[in-house]
Amino acid sequence: MKISIRHRYIKKIPVLEVVSEENKNNSLPLVIYYHGWQSAKELSLTQARKLAKKGIRVILPDAMNHGERKVGPNSPIPSVTFWSSIQYNIIEFTQLVRHFEKQELIAEGKIGVGGVSMGGITTCALLTQHPEIKAAACMMGTPMPLRYIERVMERATEMDFYVPKDLPLILSWVENYDLSEVPEKLAKRPVLFWHGTEDPKIPYEDMADFFQKIEDKSYAENSQFITGVGEEHLVKGEMMDVVAEFFGKEL
């Protein structure tokens, strides 16, 4: 199967559109897949190709402050650039979806979202506000962003980094996108969570705690959590195959 990789701009958002050559003009399930912190859309191409082989149109956007959109150094204040990038992902999600809706290229409203690390946090955030998402995959992200902000602030204090006391107020918008606060928003949708037990960047414990809280709830009956025993902050090829199988089945 020949895969088409097209670089384009959608509402000035730089993206890669990855789809099988034979189906590129056909209506297909759509997956928007978000990269991680200090990464870029090109580094998600392996995952995108695997998804495209399942008959899915994949959109890889560059997050603000990343890839083609990196215009200067990150803020010296911990997490400011990070959360700004996530906020832009959330804001721009609807623009990307709307573009393909207008082109009548989304089959039967089949919209999926996924991502790694920062992209996984974006994915969980989007699930709180977008019931049109039919399936999602959060890879080594966290559905508990408020707890993550607390952890960052604690760590910054330990390392003597300057953090404004009102940082939680500045980031107060995050409260509305914390999936752990409204887990019922899963709404029986198929959602795949994966996290490595030895992740040094985003703690495995937060994901494990979240899933333990929801696993017996009816709204989470189609959610699944895969533990990467001994795995760190990296999604390997075998797990990318699992993600592709997941979206191929659920969309």
C-alpha atoms as a PDB file:
ATOM      1  CA  MET A   1       0.000   0.000   0.000  1.00  0.00           C
ATOM      2  CA  LYS A   2       1.401   3.367  -1.020  1.00  0.00           C
ATOM      3  CA  ILE A   3       1.071   6.032   1.656  1.00  0.00           C
ATOM      4  CA  SER A   4       0.651   9.683   0.733  1.00  0.00           C
ATOM      5  CA  ILE A   5       2.320  12.234   3.053  1.00  0.00           C
ATOM      6  CA  ARG A   6       1.210  15.741   2.234  1.00  0.00           C
ATOM      7  CA  HIS A   7       2.572  18.854   3.918  1.00  0.00           C
ATOM      8  CA  ARG A   8      -0.012  21.582   4.098  1.00  0.00           C
ATOM      9  CA  TYR A   9      -1.375  24.498   6.139  1.00  0.00           C
ATOM     10  CA  ILE A  10      -4.904  24.414   7.530  1.00  0.00           C
ATOM     11  CA  LYS A  11      -5.901  27.829   8.857  1.00  0.00           C
ATOM     12  CA  LYS A  12      -2.154  28.567   9.072  1.00  0.00           C
ATOM     13  CA  ILE A  13      -1.596  25.430  11.194  1.00  0.00           C
ATOM     14  CA  PRO A  14       1.261  23.383   9.676  1.00  0.00           C
ATOM     15  CA  VAL A  15       0.240  19.738   9.392  1.00  0.00           C
ATOM     16  CA  LEU A  16       1.162  16.515   7.698  1.00  0.00           C
ATOM     17  CA  GLU A  17      -1.763  14.642   6.172  1.00  0.00           C
ATOM     18  CA  VAL A  18      -1.030  10.915   6.020  1.00  0.00           C
ATOM     19  CA  VAL A  19      -3.385   8.644   4.092  1.00  0.00           C
ATOM     20  CA  SER A  20      -3.285   5.792   1.593  1.00  0.00           C
ATOM     21  CA  GLU A  21      -2.754   7.073  -1.926  1.00  0.00           C
ATOM     22  CA  GLU A  22      -5.793   5.221  -3.224  1.00  0.00           C
ATOM     23  CA  ASN A  23      -8.119   6.726  -0.603  1.00  0.00           C
ATOM     24  CA  LYS A  24      -6.799  10.265  -0.260  1.00  0.00           C
ATOM     25  CA  ASN A  25      -9.860  11.796  -1.937  1.00  0.00           C
ATOM     26  CA  ASN A  26     -12.360   9.502  -0.226  1.00  0.00           C
ATOM     27  CA  SER A  27     -14.364   9.962   2.947  1.00  0.00           C
ATOM     28  CA  LEU A  28     -12.496   8.156   5.750  1.00  0.00           C
ATOM     29  CA  PRO A  29     -12.269   8.010   9.542  1.00  0.00           C
ATOM     30  CA  LEU A  30     -10.131  10.921  10.758  1.00  0.00           C
ATOM     31  CA  VAL A  31      -7.519  10.750  13.517  1.00  0.00           C
ATOM     32  CA  ILE A  32      -5.719  13.867  14.750  1.00  0.00           C
ATOM     33  CA  TYR A  33      -2.512  12.739  16.461  1.00  0.00           C
ATOM     34  CA  TYR A  34      -0.537  15.122  18.660  1.00  0.00           C
ATOM     35  CA  HIS A  35       3.224  14.996  19.266  1.00  0.00           C
ATOM     36  CA  GLY A  36       5.018  15.442  22.567  1.00  0.00           C
ATOM     37  CA  TRP A  37       6.890  18.261  24.298  1.00  0.00           C
ATOM     38  CA  GLN A  38       9.854  19.655  22.359  1.00  0.00           C
ATOM     39  CA  SER A  39       9.051  17.298  19.508  1.00  0.00           C
ATOM     40  CA  ALA A  40       7.485  17.921  16.086  1.00  0.00           C
ATOM     41  CA  LYS A  41       4.890  16.451  13.764  1.00  0.00           C
ATOM     42  CA  GLU A  42       7.479  14.565  11.698  1.00  0.00           C
ATOM     43  CA  LEU A  43       8.397  12.408  14.694  1.00  0.00           C
ATOM     44  CA  SER A  44       4.881  10.916  14.718  1.00  0.00           C
ATOM     45  CA  LEU A  45       5.121   9.685  11.136  1.00  0.00           C
ATOM     46  CA  THR A  46       5.768   6.048  12.050  1.00  0.00           C
ATOM     47  CA  GLN A  47       2.550   5.935  14.044  1.00  0.00           C
ATOM     48  CA  ALA A  48       0.701   7.810  11.310  1.00  0.00           C
ATOM     49  CA  ARG A  49       1.774   5.355   8.607  1.00  0.00           C
ATOM     50  CA  LYS A  50       0.548   2.434  10.706  1.00  0.00           C
ATOM     51  CA  LEU A  51      -2.801   4.165  11.147  1.00  0.00           C
ATOM     52  CA  ALA A  52      -3.082   5.048   7.454  1.00  0.00           C
ATOM     53  CA  LYS A  53      -2.678   1.361   6.581  1.00  0.00           C
ATOM     54  CA  LYS A  54      -5.883   0.755   8.548  1.00  0.00           C
ATOM     55  CA  GLY A  55      -7.838   3.003   6.189  1.00  0.00           C
ATOM     56  CA  ILE A  56      -7.617   6.133   8.334  1.00  0.00           C
ATOM     57  CA  ARG A  57      -6.784   9.710   7.377  1.00  0.00           C
ATOM     58  CA  VAL A  58      -4.227  10.983   9.905  1.00  0.00           C
ATOM     59  CA  ILE A  59      -3.473  14.632  10.627  1.00  0.00           C
ATOM     60  CA  LEU A  60      -0.233  15.478  12.444  1.00  0.00           C
ATOM     61  CA  PRO A  61      -0.215  19.135  13.548  1.00  0.00           C
ATOM     62  CA  ASP A  62       2.749  21.073  14.852  1.00  0.00           C
ATOM     63  CA  ALA A  63       1.858  22.376  18.296  1.00  0.00           C
ATOM     64  CA  MET A  64       2.441  26.065  18.930  1.00  0.00           C
ATOM     65  CA  ASN A  65       6.092  26.694  19.957  1.00  0.00           C
ATOM     66  CA  HIS A  66       7.154  23.492  18.181  1.00  0.00           C
ATOM     67  CA  GLY A  67       8.404  22.458  14.761  1.00  0.00           C
ATOM     68  CA  GLU A  68       7.605  25.091  12.145  1.00  0.00           C
ATOM     69  CA  ARG A  69       5.906  27.171  14.826  1.00  0.00           C
ATOM     70  CA  LYS A  70       8.922  27.556  17.071  1.00  0.00           C
ATOM     71  CA  VAL A  71       9.809  31.241  17.020  1.00  0.00           C
ATOM     72  CA  GLY A  72      12.107  31.634  20.013  1.00  0.00           C
ATOM     73  CA  PRO A  73      13.309  30.153  23.291  1.00  0.00           C
ATOM     74  CA  ASN A  74      10.881  28.646  25.763  1.00  0.00           C
ATOM     75  CA  SER A  75       9.882  30.636  28.823  1.00  0.00           C
ATOM     76  CA  PRO A  76      12.353  30.234  31.703  1.00  0.00           C
ATOM     77  CA  ILE A  77       9.347  29.815  34.005  1.00  0.00           C
ATOM     78  CA  PRO A  78       8.644  26.069  34.267  1.00  0.00           C
ATOM     79  CA  SER A  79       5.596  24.772  32.362  1.00  0.00           C
ATOM     80  CA  VAL A  80       4.426  28.135  30.928  1.00  0.00           C
ATOM     81  CA  THR A  81       5.349  27.307  27.313  1.00  0.00           C
ATOM     82  CA  PHE A  82       4.193  23.727  27.860  1.00  0.00           C
ATOM     83  CA  TRP A  83       0.644  24.665  28.872  1.00  0.00           C
ATOM     84  CA  SER A  84       0.449  27.392  26.276  1.00  0.00           C
ATOM     85  CA  SER A  85       1.194  24.777  23.621  1.00  0.00           C
ATOM     86  CA  ILE A  86      -1.532  22.475  24.952  1.00  0.00           C
ATOM     87  CA  GLN A  87      -4.014  25.331  25.061  1.00  0.00           C
ATOM     88  CA  TYR A  88      -3.391  26.085  21.389  1.00  0.00           C
ATOM     89  CA  ASN A  89      -3.858  22.387  20.538  1.00  0.00           C
ATOM     90  CA  ILE A  90      -7.241  22.468  22.244  1.00  0.00           C
ATOM     91  CA  ILE A  91      -8.308  25.714  20.587  1.00  0.00           C
ATOM     92  CA  GLU A  92      -7.275  24.559  17.118  1.00  0.00           C
ATOM     93  CA  PHE A  93      -8.819  21.088  17.279  1.00  0.00           C
ATOM     94  CA  THR A  94     -12.210  22.258  16.035  1.00  0.00           C
ATOM     95  CA  GLN A  95     -10.627  24.217  13.185  1.00  0.00           C
ATOM     96  CA  LEU A  96      -8.936  21.081  11.907  1.00  0.00           C
ATOM     97  CA  VAL A  97     -12.064  18.950  12.199  1.00  0.00           C
ATOM     98  CA  ARG A  98     -14.245  21.594  10.572  1.00  0.00           C
ATOM     99  CA  HIS A  99     -11.922  21.785   7.566  1.00  0.00           C
ATOM    100  CA  PHE A 100     -12.428  18.099   6.774  1.00  0.00           C
ATOM    101  CA  GLU A 101     -16.140  18.238   7.563  1.00  0.00           C
ATOM    102  CA  LYS A 102     -16.580  21.009   5.005  1.00  0.00           C
ATOM    103  CA  GLN A 103     -14.700  18.896   2.464  1.00  0.00           C
ATOM    104  CA  GLU A 104     -17.004  15.945   3.316  1.00  0.00           C
ATOM    105  CA  LEU A 105     -13.941  13.801   3.968  1.00  0.00           C
ATOM    106  CA  ILE A 106     -14.933  12.371   7.384  1.00  0.00           C
ATOM    107  CA  ALA A 107     -16.786   9.072   7.080  1.00  0.00           C
ATOM    108  CA  GLU A 108     -19.927   8.906   9.239  1.00  0.00           C
ATOM    109  CA  GLY A 109     -18.563  11.378  11.787  1.00  0.00           C
ATOM    110  CA  LYS A 110     -15.770   8.975  12.763  1.00  0.00           C
ATOM    111  CA  ILE A 111     -13.321  11.264  14.568  1.00  0.00           C
ATOM    112  CA  GLY A 112     -10.460   9.988  16.711  1.00  0.00           C
ATOM    113  CA  VAL A 113      -7.799  11.740  18.750  1.00  0.00           C
ATOM    114  CA  GLY A 114      -4.501  10.493  20.099  1.00  0.00           C
ATOM    115  CA  GLY A 115      -1.104  11.616  21.190  1.00  0.00           C
ATOM    116  CA  VAL A 116       2.055  11.004  23.165  1.00  0.00           C
ATOM    117  CA  SER A 117       3.154  12.798  26.336  1.00  0.00           C
ATOM    118  CA  MET A 118       2.026  16.410  25.856  1.00  0.00           C
ATOM    119  CA  GLY A 119      -0.156  15.049  23.058  1.00  0.00           C
ATOM    120  CA  GLY A 120      -1.646  12.531  25.473  1.00  0.00           C
ATOM    121  CA  ILE A 121      -2.503  15.345  27.882  1.00  0.00           C
ATOM    122  CA  THR A 122      -4.111  17.183  24.960  1.00  0.00           C
ATOM    123  CA  THR A 123      -6.124  14.057  24.141  1.00  0.00           C
ATOM    124  CA  CYS A 124      -7.506  13.700  27.666  1.00  0.00           C
ATOM    125  CA  ALA A 125      -8.322  17.405  27.771  1.00  0.00           C
ATOM    126  CA  LEU A 126     -10.260  17.224  24.507  1.00  0.00           C
ATOM    127  CA  LEU A 127     -12.347  14.323  25.817  1.00  0.00           C
ATOM    128  CA  THR A 128     -13.807  16.612  28.493  1.00  0.00           C
ATOM    129  CA  GLN A 129     -15.362  19.014  25.978  1.00  0.00           C
ATOM    130  CA  HIS A 130     -15.846  17.195  22.666  1.00  0.00           C
ATOM    131  CA  PRO A 131     -18.500  14.450  22.607  1.00  0.00           C
ATOM    132  CA  GLU A 132     -18.021  14.210  18.834  1.00  0.00           C
ATOM    133  CA  ILE A 133     -14.763  12.322  19.455  1.00  0.00           C
ATOM    134  CA  LYS A 134     -15.579   8.660  18.916  1.00  0.00           C
ATOM    135  CA  ALA A 135     -12.320   7.055  20.107  1.00  0.00           C
ATOM    136  CA  ALA A 136      -9.074   8.208  21.700  1.00  0.00           C
ATOM    137  CA  ALA A 137      -5.615   7.000  22.723  1.00  0.00           C
ATOM    138  CA  CYS A 138      -3.545   8.639  25.464  1.00  0.00           C
ATOM    139  CA  MET A 139       0.046   7.425  25.368  1.00  0.00           C
ATOM    140  CA  MET A 140       2.146   8.293  28.451  1.00  0.00           C
ATOM    141  CA  GLY A 141       0.121  11.454  29.081  1.00  0.00           C
ATOM    142  CA  THR A 142      -2.011  12.194  32.123  1.00  0.00           C
ATOM    143  CA  PRO A 143      -5.747  12.651  32.688  1.00  0.00           C
ATOM    144  CA  MET A 144      -4.840  14.524  35.901  1.00  0.00           C
ATOM    145  CA  PRO A 145      -3.337  17.822  34.674  1.00  0.00           C
ATOM    146  CA  LEU A 146      -4.032  19.723  37.883  1.00  0.00           C
ATOM    147  CA  ARG A 147      -2.007  17.195  39.843  1.00  0.00           C
ATOM    148  CA  TYR A 148       0.724  17.447  37.225  1.00  0.00           C
ATOM    149  CA  ILE A 149       0.876  21.241  37.657  1.00  0.00           C
ATOM    150  CA  GLU A 150       1.261  20.712  41.414  1.00  0.00           C
ATOM    151  CA  ARG A 151       4.091  18.264  40.807  1.00  0.00           C
ATOM    152  CA  VAL A 152       5.874  20.714  38.495  1.00  0.00           C
ATOM    153  CA  MET A 153       5.616  23.492  41.057  1.00  0.00           C
ATOM    154  CA  GLU A 154       6.921  21.259  43.830  1.00  0.00           C
ATOM    155  CA  ARG A 155       9.819  20.133  41.668  1.00  0.00           C
ATOM    156  CA  ALA A 156      10.629  23.712  40.628  1.00  0.00           C
ATOM    157  CA  THR A 157      10.744  24.783  44.276  1.00  0.00           C
ATOM    158  CA  GLU A 158      13.094  21.912  45.091  1.00  0.00           C
ATOM    159  CA  MET A 159      15.404  22.939  42.236  1.00  0.00           C
ATOM    160  CA  ASP A 160      15.156  26.645  43.122  1.00  0.00           C
ATOM    161  CA  PHE A 161      13.540  27.662  39.823  1.00  0.00           C
ATOM    162  CA  TYR A 162      11.482  30.827  39.916  1.00  0.00           C
ATOM    163  CA  VAL A 163       7.731  30.149  39.747  1.00  0.00           C
ATOM    164  CA  PRO A 164       5.167  32.950  40.189  1.00  0.00           C
ATOM    165  CA  LYS A 165       2.898  32.303  43.165  1.00  0.00           C
ATOM    166  CA  ASP A 166      -0.112  32.967  40.974  1.00  0.00           C
ATOM    167  CA  LEU A 167       0.874  30.361  38.360  1.00  0.00           C
ATOM    168  CA  PRO A 168      -2.097  28.155  39.324  1.00  0.00           C
ATOM    169  CA  LEU A 169      -4.376  31.142  38.729  1.00  0.00           C
ATOM    170  CA  ILE A 170      -2.731  31.874  35.386  1.00  0.00           C
ATOM    171  CA  LEU A 171      -3.344  28.244  34.435  1.00  0.00           C
ATOM    172  CA  SER A 172      -6.840  28.129  35.945  1.00  0.00           C
ATOM    173  CA  TRP A 173      -8.328  27.223  32.558  1.00  0.00           C
ATOM    174  CA  VAL A 174      -6.823  23.750  32.998  1.00  0.00           C
ATOM    175  CA  GLU A 175      -9.437  22.957  35.655  1.00  0.00           C
ATOM    176  CA  ASN A 176     -12.098  22.801  32.943  1.00  0.00           C
ATOM    177  CA  TYR A 177     -10.070  20.210  31.031  1.00  0.00           C
ATOM    178  CA  ASP A 178      -9.134  17.842  33.860  1.00  0.00           C
ATOM    179  CA  LEU A 179     -10.600  14.467  32.883  1.00  0.00           C
ATOM    180  CA  SER A 180     -10.076  13.057  36.374  1.00  0.00           C
ATOM    181  CA  GLU A 181     -12.549  15.658  37.681  1.00  0.00           C
ATOM    182  CA  VAL A 182     -15.260  14.643  35.184  1.00  0.00           C
ATOM    183  CA  PRO A 183     -14.463  11.010  34.276  1.00  0.00           C
ATOM    184  CA  GLU A 184     -18.094  10.449  33.307  1.00  0.00           C
ATOM    185  CA  LYS A 185     -17.237  12.448  30.157  1.00  0.00           C
ATOM    186  CA  LEU A 186     -15.657   9.222  28.878  1.00  0.00           C
ATOM    187  CA  ALA A 187     -19.289   8.351  28.158  1.00  0.00           C
ATOM    188  CA  LYS A 188     -18.586   4.719  27.212  1.00  0.00           C
ATOM    189  CA  ARG A 189     -16.328   5.805  24.349  1.00  0.00           C
ATOM    190  CA  PRO A 190     -13.429   3.503  23.442  1.00  0.00           C
ATOM    191  CA  VAL A 191     -10.325   5.029  25.038  1.00  0.00           C
ATOM    192  CA  LEU A 192      -6.890   3.421  25.205  1.00  0.00           C
ATOM    193  CA  PHE A 193      -4.469   4.480  27.927  1.00  0.00           C
ATOM    194  CA  TRP A 194      -0.837   3.349  28.029  1.00  0.00           C
ATOM    195  CA  HIS A 195       1.935   4.267  30.441  1.00  0.00           C
ATOM    196  CA  GLY A 196       5.353   2.916  31.365  1.00  0.00           C
ATOM    197  CA  THR A 197       6.018   2.107  35.017  1.00  0.00           C
ATOM    198  CA  GLU A 198       9.460   3.724  34.928  1.00  0.00           C
ATOM    199  CA  ASP A 199       8.443   6.967  33.202  1.00  0.00           C
ATOM    200  CA  PRO A 200      10.679   9.707  34.679  1.00  0.00           C
ATOM    201  CA  LYS A 201       8.732  12.622  33.159  1.00  0.00           C
ATOM    202  CA  ILE A 202       5.027  11.965  33.708  1.00  0.00           C
ATOM    203  CA  PRO A 203       4.412   9.679  36.698  1.00  0.00           C
ATOM    204  CA  TYR A 204       2.863   6.297  36.013  1.00  0.00           C
ATOM    205  CA  GLU A 205       1.089   6.493  39.372  1.00  0.00           C
ATOM    206  CA  ASP A 206      -1.265   9.242  38.241  1.00  0.00           C
ATOM    207  CA  MET A 207      -2.551   7.189  35.331  1.00  0.00           C
ATOM    208  CA  ALA A 208      -2.790   4.064  37.474  1.00  0.00           C
ATOM    209  CA  ASP A 209      -4.714   5.932  40.175  1.00  0.00           C
ATOM    210  CA  PHE A 210      -7.098   7.368  37.615  1.00  0.00           C
ATOM    211  CA  PHE A 211      -7.863   4.033  36.039  1.00  0.00           C
ATOM    212  CA  GLN A 212      -8.338   2.336  39.395  1.00  0.00           C
ATOM    213  CA  LYS A 213     -10.928   5.013  40.156  1.00  0.00           C
ATOM    214  CA  ILE A 214     -12.903   4.465  36.944  1.00  0.00           C
ATOM    215  CA  GLU A 215     -12.430   0.835  35.924  1.00  0.00           C
ATOM    216  CA  ASP A 216     -15.668  -0.424  37.515  1.00  0.00           C
ATOM    217  CA  LYS A 217     -17.808   2.470  36.293  1.00  0.00           C
ATOM    218  CA  SER A 218     -20.290   1.977  33.468  1.00  0.00           C
ATOM    219  CA  TYR A 219     -19.056   5.113  31.672  1.00  0.00           C
ATOM    220  CA  ALA A 220     -15.592   3.538  31.423  1.00  0.00           C
ATOM    221  CA  GLU A 221     -16.670   0.120  30.202  1.00  0.00           C
ATOM    222  CA  ASN A 222     -14.912   0.669  26.873  1.00  0.00           C
ATOM    223  CA  SER A 223     -11.747   2.153  28.361  1.00  0.00           C
ATOM    224  CA  GLN A 224      -8.601   0.073  28.724  1.00  0.00           C
ATOM    225  CA  PHE A 225      -5.284   0.678  30.453  1.00  0.00           C
ATOM    226  CA  ILE A 226      -2.119  -1.078  29.324  1.00  0.00           C
ATOM    227  CA  THR A 227       0.855  -0.976  31.660  1.00  0.00           C
ATOM    228  CA  GLY A 228       4.311  -0.931  30.118  1.00  0.00           C
ATOM    229  CA  VAL A 229       6.234  -2.822  32.775  1.00  0.00           C
ATOM    230  CA  GLY A 230       9.753  -1.418  33.011  1.00  0.00           C
ATOM    231  CA  GLU A 231       9.082   1.023  30.151  1.00  0.00           C
ATOM    232  CA  GLU A 232      10.202   4.643  30.334  1.00  0.00           C
ATOM    233  CA  HIS A 233       9.053   7.743  28.428  1.00  0.00           C
ATOM    234  CA  LEU A 234       9.006   6.172  24.970  1.00  0.00           C
ATOM    235  CA  VAL A 235       6.363   4.478  22.819  1.00  0.00           C
ATOM    236  CA  LYS A 236       7.934   1.577  20.946  1.00  0.00           C
ATOM    237  CA  GLY A 237       6.906   0.130  17.598  1.00  0.00           C
ATOM    238  CA  GLU A 238       5.000  -2.766  19.115  1.00  0.00           C
ATOM    239  CA  MET A 239       2.793  -0.366  21.043  1.00  0.00           C
ATOM    240  CA  MET A 240       2.260   1.741  17.933  1.00  0.00           C
ATOM    241  CA  ASP A 241       0.867  -1.407  16.298  1.00  0.00           C
ATOM    242  CA  VAL A 242      -1.554  -1.762  19.209  1.00  0.00           C
ATOM    243  CA  VAL A 243      -2.686   1.852  18.725  1.00  0.00           C
ATOM    244  CA  ALA A 244      -3.229   1.252  15.009  1.00  0.00           C
ATOM    245  CA  GLU A 245      -5.239  -1.910  15.708  1.00  0.00           C
ATOM    246  CA  PHE A 246      -7.283  -0.022  18.288  1.00  0.00           C
ATOM    247  CA  PHE A 247      -8.300   2.804  15.953  1.00  0.00           C
ATOM    248  CA  GLY A 248      -8.761   0.384  13.053  1.00  0.00           C
ATOM    249  CA  LYS A 249     -11.298  -1.519  15.147  1.00  0.00           C
ATOM    250  CA  GLU A 250     -13.063   1.393  16.835  1.00  0.00           C
ATOM    251  CA  LEU A 251     -13.407   3.851  13.944  1.00  0.00           C
END
